[in-house]
Amino acid sequence: MPAAVLPAGPTAPPATAPATAVEAANTAFYEAMETGDFDTVSGLWLDDDATPVTCVHPGWPVLTGRGEVLRSYALIMANTEYIQFFLTDLHVSLAGDTALVTCTENILSGGPAEDGDELGPLVGQLVVATNAFRRTPDGWRLWSHHASPVLAGTDDPDPAEPTLDDAPGDPEPPL
């Protein structure tokens, strides 16, 4: 009996192939945002006329519906001269034809300078995001994006602020 011939090069096990495809769609979304490619951003959002998409940008209300969501990205792109995402803590979870990607968006962005000649000051922001994807015949598409800012804190907790140690029914009193 002849030996099985495997294809050349690395191949992903079948169980990880969908996760790799979801991660690729997630990466394509952020790359399109960085380059201001509205057509690609639009093409990555679910468009099946049956499932409304949703989006929550940091500090914004919930946006529902493809038109409202895409208008928000058009506004962001029109008013952001420069944006770069460094994604960390990325995790992909799969459940059938649905996938969740959680990550930390380390964002560097800037708008136009007041004099209009150069890029204005760059601002860093730390945001945690959850991106929900649905598998379609055309690949994985964004169903929902939810991003929340990470609030900067101090290393020392404020003694007046309640902590988990102060939870009701805690067998040990706080020190």
Foldseek 3Di string as FASTA:
>chain_A
DDDDDDDPDDDDPPVCVLVVLVVVLVVQCQVCLQVVPLVSVLVQADDDVPAWAWEADAPDDIFIHSVRVSVVSVVCSVFWPGKHWDWDPWDWDDDVQKIKIKTKTFMWTFGAPPVRPHTDDIDTFIKIKIWMWGQDPVGTHTRYIYIYTDDDDDPDDDPVDDDPQCDPPNPDHDD
